[in-house]
PDB file of N, CA and C in Angstrom:
ATOM      1  N   UNK A   1     151.328 101.598  70.736  1.00  0.00           N
ATOM      2  CA  UNK A   1     150.106 101.322  71.458  1.00  0.00           C
ATOM      3  C   UNK A   1     149.059 100.696  70.541  1.00  0.00           C
ATOM      4  N   UNK A   2     149.023 101.112  69.298  1.00  0.00           N
ATOM      5  CA  UNK A   2     148.060 100.571  68.346  1.00  0.00           C
ATOM      6  C   UNK A   2     148.239  99.066  68.180  1.00  0.00           C
ATOM      7  N   UNK A   3     149.489  98.644  68.062  1.00  0.00           N
ATOM      8  CA  UNK A   3     149.770  97.214  67.925  1.00  0.00           C
ATOM      9  C   UNK A   3     149.281  96.447  69.149  1.00  0.00           C
ATOM     10  N   UNK A   4     149.443  97.027  70.319  1.00  0.00           N
ATOM     11  CA  UNK A   4     149.007  96.391  71.551  1.00  0.00           C
ATOM     12  C   UNK A   4     147.484  96.297  71.617  1.00  0.00           C
ATOM     13  N   UNK A   5     146.795  97.361  71.259  1.00  0.00           N
ATOM     14  CA  UNK A   5     145.328  97.357  71.290  1.00  0.00           C
ATOM     15  C   UNK A   5     144.742  96.310  70.355  1.00  0.00           C
ATOM     16  N   UNK A   6     145.378  96.145  69.201  1.00  0.00           N
ATOM     17  CA  UNK A   6     144.863  95.207  68.212  1.00  0.00           C
ATOM     18  C   UNK A   6     145.504  93.823  68.312  1.00  0.00           C
ATOM     19  N   UNK A   7     146.425  93.664  69.253  1.00  0.00           N
ATOM     20  CA  UNK A   7     147.147  92.390  69.413  1.00  0.00           C
ATOM     21  C   UNK A   7     147.696  91.912  68.076  1.00  0.00           C
ATOM     22  N   UNK A   8     148.394  92.824  67.408  1.00  0.00           N
ATOM     23  CA  UNK A   8     148.945  92.499  66.095  1.00  0.00           C
ATOM     24  C   UNK A   8     150.302  93.172  65.927  1.00  0.00           C
ATOM     25  N   UNK A   9     151.179  92.487  65.224  1.00  0.00           N
ATOM     26  CA  UNK A   9     152.488  93.061  64.940  1.00  0.00           C
ATOM     27  C   UNK A   9     152.443  93.964  63.717  1.00  0.00           C
ATOM     28  N   UNK A  10     151.573  93.629  62.775  1.00  0.00           N
ATOM     29  CA  UNK A  10     151.491  94.396  61.536  1.00  0.00           C
ATOM     30  C   UNK A  10     150.143  95.102  61.463  1.00  0.00           C
ATOM     31  N   UNK A  11     150.210  96.391  61.255  1.00  0.00           N
ATOM     32  CA  UNK A  11     149.018  97.223  61.125  1.00  0.00           C
ATOM     33  C   UNK A  11     149.063  97.855  59.735  1.00  0.00           C
ATOM     34  N   UNK A  12     147.942  97.829  58.994  1.00  0.00           N
ATOM     35  CA  UNK A  12     147.955  98.469  57.676  1.00  0.00           C
ATOM     36  C   UNK A  12     148.427  99.927  57.785  1.00  0.00           C
ATOM     37  N   UNK A  13     149.329 100.316  56.903  1.00  0.00           N
ATOM     38  CA  UNK A  13     149.931 101.649  57.001  1.00  0.00           C
ATOM     39  C   UNK A  13     148.904 102.768  56.875  1.00  0.00           C
ATOM     40  N   UNK A  14     147.874 102.591  56.039  1.00  0.00           N
ATOM     41  CA  UNK A  14     146.852 103.631  55.914  1.00  0.00           C
ATOM     42  C   UNK A  14     146.070 103.784  57.210  1.00  0.00           C
ATOM     43  N   UNK A  15     145.795 102.679  57.876  1.00  0.00           N
ATOM     44  CA  UNK A  15     145.100 102.722  59.161  1.00  0.00           C
ATOM     45  C   UNK A  15     145.974 103.399  60.210  1.00  0.00           C
ATOM     46  N   UNK A  16     147.237 103.038  60.242  1.00  0.00           N
ATOM     47  CA  UNK A  16     148.161 103.613  61.218  1.00  0.00           C
ATOM     48  C   UNK A  16     148.255 105.135  61.062  1.00  0.00           C
ATOM     49  N   UNK A  17     148.387 105.599  59.824  1.00  0.00           N
ATOM     50  CA  UNK A  17     148.460 107.048  59.574  1.00  0.00           C
ATOM     51  C   UNK A  17     147.173 107.747  59.990  1.00  0.00           C
ATOM     52  N   UNK A  18     146.036 107.173  59.625  1.00  0.00           N
ATOM     53  CA  UNK A  18     144.743 107.778  59.952  1.00  0.00           C
ATOM     54  C   UNK A  18     144.557 107.870  61.464  1.00  0.00           C
ATOM     55  N   UNK A  19     144.800 106.779  62.163  1.00  0.00           N
ATOM     56  CA  UNK A  19     144.596 106.731  63.610  1.00  0.00           C
ATOM     57  C   UNK A  19     145.552 107.678  64.336  1.00  0.00           C
ATOM     58  N   UNK A  20     146.790 107.691  63.931  1.00  0.00           N
ATOM     59  CA  UNK A  20     147.759 108.575  64.581  1.00  0.00           C
ATOM     60  C   UNK A  20     147.397 110.042  64.366  1.00  0.00           C
ATOM     61  N   UNK A  21     146.923 110.373  63.196  1.00  0.00           N
ATOM     62  CA  UNK A  21     146.532 111.758  62.914  1.00  0.00           C
ATOM     63  C   UNK A  21     145.309 112.158  63.739  1.00  0.00           C
ATOM     64  N   UNK A  22     144.346 111.251  63.868  1.00  0.00           N
ATOM     65  CA  UNK A  22     143.121 111.557  64.616  1.00  0.00           C
ATOM     66  C   UNK A  22     143.379 111.612  66.114  1.00  0.00           C
ATOM     67  N   UNK A  23     144.149 110.684  66.645  1.00  0.00           N
ATOM     68  CA  UNK A  23     144.335 110.587  68.098  1.00  0.00           C
ATOM     69  C   UNK A  23     145.267 111.668  68.635  1.00  0.00           C
ATOM     70  N   UNK A  24     146.154 112.159  67.808  1.00  0.00           N
ATOM     71  CA  UNK A  24     147.092 113.211  68.214  1.00  0.00           C
ATOM     72  C   UNK A  24     147.784 112.910  69.544  1.00  0.00           C
ATOM     73  N   UNK A  25     148.131 111.641  69.763  1.00  0.00           N
ATOM     74  CA  UNK A  25     148.863 111.261  70.964  1.00  0.00           C
ATOM     75  C   UNK A  25     148.017 110.998  72.196  1.00  0.00           C
ATOM     76  N   UNK A  26     146.695 111.100  72.086  1.00  0.00           N
ATOM     77  CA  UNK A  26     145.809 110.870  73.222  1.00  0.00           C
ATOM     78  C   UNK A  26     145.453 109.380  73.294  1.00  0.00           C
ATOM     79  N   UNK A  27     145.994 108.640  74.270  1.00  0.00           N
ATOM     80  CA  UNK A  27     145.774 107.194  74.321  1.00  0.00           C
ATOM     81  C   UNK A  27     144.316 106.807  74.559  1.00  0.00           C
ATOM     82  N   UNK A  28     143.569 107.590  75.324  1.00  0.00           N
ATOM     83  CA  UNK A  28     142.157 107.265  75.557  1.00  0.00           C
ATOM     84  C   UNK A  28     141.357 107.431  74.268  1.00  0.00           C
ATOM     85  N   UNK A  29     141.622 108.515  73.539  1.00  0.00           N
ATOM     86  CA  UNK A  29     140.942 108.725  72.261  1.00  0.00           C
ATOM     87  C   UNK A  29     141.302 107.598  71.295  1.00  0.00           C
ATOM     88  N   UNK A  30     142.571 107.213  71.259  1.00  0.00           N
ATOM     89  CA  UNK A  30     143.023 106.136  70.386  1.00  0.00           C
ATOM     90  C   UNK A  30     142.255 104.845  70.664  1.00  0.00           C
ATOM     91  N   UNK A  31     142.130 104.499  71.939  1.00  0.00           N
ATOM     92  CA  UNK A  31     141.409 103.275  72.302  1.00  0.00           C
ATOM     93  C   UNK A  31     139.942 103.349  71.893  1.00  0.00           C
ATOM     94  N   UNK A  32     139.305 104.468  72.156  1.00  0.00           N
ATOM     95  CA  UNK A  32     137.890 104.617  71.793  1.00  0.00           C
ATOM     96  C   UNK A  32     137.713 104.635  70.275  1.00  0.00           C
ATOM     97  N   UNK A  33     138.655 105.226  69.565  1.00  0.00           N
ATOM     98  CA  UNK A  33     138.602 105.246  68.106  1.00  0.00           C
ATOM     99  C   UNK A  33     138.684 103.827  67.548  1.00  0.00           C
ATOM    100  N   UNK A  34     139.626 103.047  68.043  1.00  0.00           N
ATOM    101  CA  UNK A  34     139.765 101.657  67.588  1.00  0.00           C
ATOM    102  C   UNK A  34     138.497 100.861  67.902  1.00  0.00           C
ATOM    103  N   UNK A  35     137.976 100.994  69.108  1.00  0.00           N
ATOM    104  CA  UNK A  35     136.739 100.296  69.470  1.00  0.00           C
ATOM    105  C   UNK A  35     135.592 100.696  68.552  1.00  0.00           C
ATOM    106  N   UNK A  36     135.504 101.967  68.253  1.00  0.00           N
ATOM    107  CA  UNK A  36     134.453 102.464  67.376  1.00  0.00           C
ATOM    108  C   UNK A  36     134.587 101.893  65.963  1.00  0.00           C
ATOM    109  N   UNK A  37     135.805 101.863  65.447  1.00  0.00           N
ATOM    110  CA  UNK A  37     136.030 101.314  64.107  1.00  0.00           C
ATOM    111  C   UNK A  37     135.692  99.824  64.040  1.00  0.00           C
ATOM    112  N   UNK A  38     136.016  99.095  65.092  1.00  0.00           N
ATOM    113  CA  UNK A  38     135.702  97.662  65.128  1.00  0.00           C
ATOM    114  C   UNK A  38     134.188  97.450  65.233  1.00  0.00           C
ATOM    115  N   UNK A  39     133.534  98.183  66.128  1.00  0.00           N
ATOM    116  CA  UNK A  39     132.094  98.019  66.317  1.00  0.00           C
ATOM    117  C   UNK A  39     131.287  98.408  65.075  1.00  0.00           C
ATOM    118  N   UNK A  40     131.784  99.368  64.323  1.00  0.00           N
ATOM    119  CA  UNK A  40     131.083  99.793  63.109  1.00  0.00           C
ATOM    120  C   UNK A  40     131.473  98.941  61.902  1.00  0.00           C
ATOM    121  N   UNK A  41     132.342  97.954  62.136  1.00  0.00           N
ATOM    122  CA  UNK A  41     132.834  97.026  61.125  1.00  0.00           C
ATOM    123  C   UNK A  41     133.626  97.711  60.014  1.00  0.00           C
ATOM    124  N   UNK A  42     134.178  98.870  60.316  1.00  0.00           N
ATOM    125  CA  UNK A  42     135.084  99.533  59.384  1.00  0.00           C
ATOM    126  C   UNK A  42     136.464  98.879  59.462  1.00  0.00           C
ATOM    127  N   UNK A  43     136.757  98.295  60.615  1.00  0.00           N
ATOM    128  CA  UNK A  43     138.008  97.590  60.850  1.00  0.00           C
ATOM    129  C   UNK A  43     137.658  96.158  61.252  1.00  0.00           C
ATOM    130  N   UNK A  44     138.128  95.195  60.469  1.00  0.00           N
ATOM    131  CA  UNK A  44     137.786  93.791  60.727  1.00  0.00           C
ATOM    132  C   UNK A  44     139.041  92.925  60.745  1.00  0.00           C
ATOM    133  N   UNK A  45     138.935  91.839  61.484  1.00  0.00           N
ATOM    134  CA  UNK A  45     140.028  90.865  61.543  1.00  0.00           C
ATOM    135  C   UNK A  45     139.780  89.828  60.460  1.00  0.00           C
ATOM    136  N   UNK A  46     140.809  89.573  59.664  1.00  0.00           N
ATOM    137  CA  UNK A  46     140.689  88.642  58.546  1.00  0.00           C
ATOM    138  C   UNK A  46     141.919  87.750  58.522  1.00  0.00           C
ATOM    139  N   UNK A  47     141.724  86.461  58.808  1.00  0.00           N
ATOM    140  CA  UNK A  47     142.833  85.497  58.828  1.00  0.00           C
ATOM    141  C   UNK A  47     143.980  85.945  59.721  1.00  0.00           C
ATOM    142  N   UNK A  48     143.635  86.454  60.892  1.00  0.00           N
ATOM    143  CA  UNK A  48     144.648  86.815  61.876  1.00  0.00           C
ATOM    144  C   UNK A  48     145.245  88.202  61.728  1.00  0.00           C
ATOM    145  N   UNK A  49     144.844  88.937  60.697  1.00  0.00           N
ATOM    146  CA  UNK A  49     145.355  90.302  60.546  1.00  0.00           C
ATOM    147  C   UNK A  49     144.179  91.268  60.376  1.00  0.00           C
ATOM    148  N   UNK A  50     144.447  92.520  60.622  1.00  0.00           N
ATOM    149  CA  UNK A  50     143.406  93.541  60.551  1.00  0.00           C
ATOM    150  C   UNK A  50     143.392  94.190  59.183  1.00  0.00           C
ATOM    151  N   UNK A  51     142.188  94.514  58.707  1.00  0.00           N
ATOM    152  CA  UNK A  51     142.084  95.242  57.446  1.00  0.00           C
ATOM    153  C   UNK A  51     140.943  96.244  57.543  1.00  0.00           C
ATOM    154  N   UNK A  52     141.076  97.295  56.774  1.00  0.00           N
ATOM    155  CA  UNK A  52     140.029  98.307  56.693  1.00  0.00           C
ATOM    156  C   UNK A  52     139.005  97.799  55.700  1.00  0.00           C
ATOM    157  N   UNK A  53     137.780  97.555  56.187  1.00  0.00           N
ATOM    158  CA  UNK A  53     136.734  96.959  55.363  1.00  0.00           C
ATOM    159  C   UNK A  53     135.823  97.997  54.715  1.00  0.00           C
ATOM    160  N   UNK A  54     135.797  99.193  55.275  1.00  0.00           N
ATOM    161  CA  UNK A  54     134.957 100.266  54.748  1.00  0.00           C
ATOM    162  C   UNK A  54     135.794 101.527  54.652  1.00  0.00           C
ATOM    163  N   UNK A  55     135.435 102.380  53.742  1.00  0.00           N
ATOM    164  CA  UNK A  55     136.112 103.666  53.658  1.00  0.00           C
ATOM    165  C   UNK A  55     135.799 104.466  54.914  1.00  0.00           C
ATOM    166  N   UNK A  56     136.817 104.991  55.521  1.00  0.00           N
ATOM    167  CA  UNK A  56     136.653 105.784  56.742  1.00  0.00           C
ATOM    168  C   UNK A  56     136.823 107.246  56.359  1.00  0.00           C
ATOM    169  N   UNK A  57     135.722 107.970  56.397  1.00  0.00           N
ATOM    170  CA  UNK A  57     135.772 109.393  56.065  1.00  0.00           C
ATOM    171  C   UNK A  57     135.961 110.203  57.339  1.00  0.00           C
ATOM    172  N   UNK A  58     136.584 111.348  57.201  1.00  0.00           N
ATOM    173  CA  UNK A  58     136.781 112.244  58.345  1.00  0.00           C
ATOM    174  C   UNK A  58     135.436 112.548  59.014  1.00  0.00           C
ATOM    175  N   UNK A  59     134.391 112.698  58.226  1.00  0.00           N
ATOM    176  CA  UNK A  59     133.084 113.052  58.769  1.00  0.00           C
ATOM    177  C   UNK A  59     132.454 111.916  59.574  1.00  0.00           C
ATOM    178  N   UNK A  60     132.940 110.693  59.381  1.00  0.00           N
ATOM    179  CA  UNK A  60     132.391 109.539  60.103  1.00  0.00           C
ATOM    180  C   UNK A  60     132.918 109.434  61.523  1.00  0.00           C
ATOM    181  N   UNK A  61     134.007 110.104  61.814  1.00  0.00           N
ATOM    182  CA  UNK A  61     134.682 109.966  63.097  1.00  0.00           C
ATOM    183  C   UNK A  61     134.616 111.287  63.855  1.00  0.00           C
ATOM    184  N   UNK A  62     134.068 111.232  65.045  1.00  0.00           N
ATOM    185  CA  UNK A  62     133.993 112.434  65.870  1.00  0.00           C
ATOM    186  C   UNK A  62     135.390 112.863  66.297  1.00  0.00           C
ATOM    187  N   UNK A  63     135.638 114.161  66.330  1.00  0.00           N
ATOM    188  CA  UNK A  63     136.948 114.629  66.769  1.00  0.00           C
ATOM    189  C   UNK A  63     137.088 114.665  68.300  1.00  0.00           C
ATOM    190  N   UNK A  64     136.017 114.313  69.019  1.00  0.00           N
ATOM    191  CA  UNK A  64     136.069 114.361  70.485  1.00  0.00           C
ATOM    192  C   UNK A  64     135.820 112.993  71.086  1.00  0.00           C
ATOM    193  N   UNK A  65     136.337 112.790  72.284  1.00  0.00           N
ATOM    194  CA  UNK A  65     136.088 111.536  73.002  1.00  0.00           C
ATOM    195  C   UNK A  65     134.598 111.397  73.289  1.00  0.00           C
ATOM    196  N   UNK A  66     133.974 112.482  73.709  1.00  0.00           N
ATOM    197  CA  UNK A  66     132.532 112.459  73.991  1.00  0.00           C
ATOM    198  C   UNK A  66     131.753 111.986  72.767  1.00  0.00           C
ATOM    199  N   UNK A  67     132.109 112.495  71.604  1.00  0.00           N
ATOM    200  CA  UNK A  67     131.434 112.100  70.374  1.00  0.00           C
ATOM    201  C   UNK A  67     131.640 110.636  70.035  1.00  0.00           C
ATOM    202  N   UNK A  68     132.861 110.136  70.231  1.00  0.00           N
ATOM    203  CA  UNK A  68     133.133 108.720  69.975  1.00  0.00           C
ATOM    204  C   UNK A  68     132.306 107.821  70.889  1.00  0.00           C
ATOM    205  N   UNK A  69     132.275 108.163  72.162  1.00  0.00           N
ATOM    206  CA  UNK A  69     131.529 107.343  73.119  1.00  0.00           C
ATOM    207  C   UNK A  69     130.030 107.437  72.846  1.00  0.00           C
ATOM    208  N   UNK A  70     129.543 108.613  72.521  1.00  0.00           N
ATOM    209  CA  UNK A  70     128.123 108.775  72.184  1.00  0.00           C
ATOM    210  C   UNK A  70     127.758 107.922  70.974  1.00  0.00           C
ATOM    211  N   UNK A  71     128.644 107.897  69.986  1.00  0.00           N
ATOM    212  CA  UNK A  71     128.409 107.064  68.806  1.00  0.00           C
ATOM    213  C   UNK A  71     128.360 105.585  69.149  1.00  0.00           C
ATOM    214  N   UNK A  72     129.240 105.165  70.043  1.00  0.00           N
ATOM    215  CA  UNK A  72     129.228 103.766  70.469  1.00  0.00           C
ATOM    216  C   UNK A  72     127.944 103.445  71.212  1.00  0.00           C
ATOM    217  N   UNK A  73     127.482 104.363  72.066  1.00  0.00           N
ATOM    218  CA  UNK A  73     126.232 104.145  72.802  1.00  0.00           C
ATOM    219  C   UNK A  73     125.048 104.092  71.850  1.00  0.00           C
ATOM    220  N   UNK A  74     125.088 104.903  70.809  1.00  0.00           N
ATOM    221  CA  UNK A  74     124.001 104.903  69.825  1.00  0.00           C
ATOM    222  C   UNK A  74     123.899 103.576  69.088  1.00  0.00           C
ATOM    223  N   UNK A  75     125.006 102.843  68.983  1.00  0.00           N
ATOM    224  CA  UNK A  75     124.977 101.551  68.291  1.00  0.00           C
ATOM    225  C   UNK A  75     124.481 100.410  69.170  1.00  0.00           C
ATOM    226  N   UNK A  76     124.312 100.661  70.456  1.00  0.00           N
ATOM    227  CA  UNK A  76     123.785  99.615  71.343  1.00  0.00           C
ATOM    228  C   UNK A  76     122.334  99.325  70.989  1.00  0.00           C
ATOM    229  N   UNK A  77     121.914  98.118  71.310  1.00  0.00           N
ATOM    230  CA  UNK A  77     120.541  97.734  71.005  1.00  0.00           C
ATOM    231  C   UNK A  77     119.837  97.232  72.262  1.00  0.00           C
ATOM    232  N   UNK A  78     118.534  97.217  72.205  1.00  0.00           N
ATOM    233  CA  UNK A  78     117.716  96.617  73.248  1.00  0.00           C
ATOM    234  C   UNK A  78     117.827  97.289  74.601  1.00  0.00           C
ATOM    235  N   UNK A  79     117.867  96.459  75.633  1.00  0.00           N
ATOM    236  CA  UNK A  79     117.857  96.948  77.011  1.00  0.00           C
ATOM    237  C   UNK A  79     119.069  97.808  77.343  1.00  0.00           C
ATOM    238  N   UNK A  80     120.224  97.458  76.780  1.00  0.00           N
ATOM    239  CA  UNK A  80     121.425  98.251  77.032  1.00  0.00           C
ATOM    240  C   UNK A  80     121.223  99.679  76.533  1.00  0.00           C
ATOM    241  N   UNK A  81     120.651  99.816  75.375  1.00  0.00           N
ATOM    242  CA  UNK A  81     120.420 101.131  74.793  1.00  0.00           C
ATOM    243  C   UNK A  81     119.489 101.969  75.669  1.00  0.00           C
ATOM    244  N   UNK A  82     118.400 101.362  76.114  1.00  0.00           N
ATOM    245  CA  UNK A  82     117.437 102.067  76.963  1.00  0.00           C
ATOM    246  C   UNK A  82     118.116 102.523  78.252  1.00  0.00           C
ATOM    247  N   UNK A  83     118.897 101.650  78.867  1.00  0.00           N
ATOM    248  CA  UNK A  83     119.578 101.983  80.116  1.00  0.00           C
ATOM    249  C   UNK A  83     120.490 103.198  79.956  1.00  0.00           C
ATOM    250  N   UNK A  84     121.340 103.170  78.930  1.00  0.00           N
ATOM    251  CA  UNK A  84     122.299 104.261  78.770  1.00  0.00           C
ATOM    252  C   UNK A  84     121.645 105.559  78.302  1.00  0.00           C
ATOM    253  N   UNK A  85     120.570 105.457  77.541  1.00  0.00           N
ATOM    254  CA  UNK A  85     119.874 106.674  77.119  1.00  0.00           C
ATOM    255  C   UNK A  85     119.249 107.380  78.311  1.00  0.00           C
ATOM    256  N   UNK A  86     118.824 106.637  79.302  1.00  0.00           N
ATOM    257  CA  UNK A  86     118.249 107.247  80.503  1.00  0.00           C
ATOM    258  C   UNK A  86     119.305 107.966  81.329  1.00  0.00           C
ATOM    259  N   UNK A  87     120.544 107.548  81.228  1.00  0.00           N
ATOM    260  CA  UNK A  87     121.630 108.180  81.964  1.00  0.00           C
ATOM    261  C   UNK A  87     122.047 109.521  81.376  1.00  0.00           C
ATOM    262  N   UNK A  88     121.762 109.721  80.109  1.00  0.00           N
ATOM    263  CA  UNK A  88     122.203 110.956  79.438  1.00  0.00           C
ATOM    264  C   UNK A  88     121.492 112.148  79.952  1.00  0.00           C
TER     265      UNK A  88
END
């Protein structure tokens, strides 16, 4: 599933191990984790392949789906941020 989400045949082995350990087989968590890593620029595309651009610490990643989504909402800016904060 990771290869499909990233549209890549080759995934860095350290990233694959980290993501598989965190997601524990939960496909929704896996998708949100990947989105979070991309949005925070910890995971970047470089010449057609993905690489880990920043050290990813356990403390940087929420262990819950709610936490991952909240973190993504916190990174929104402007009108989008105001809209979603009012929904909370």
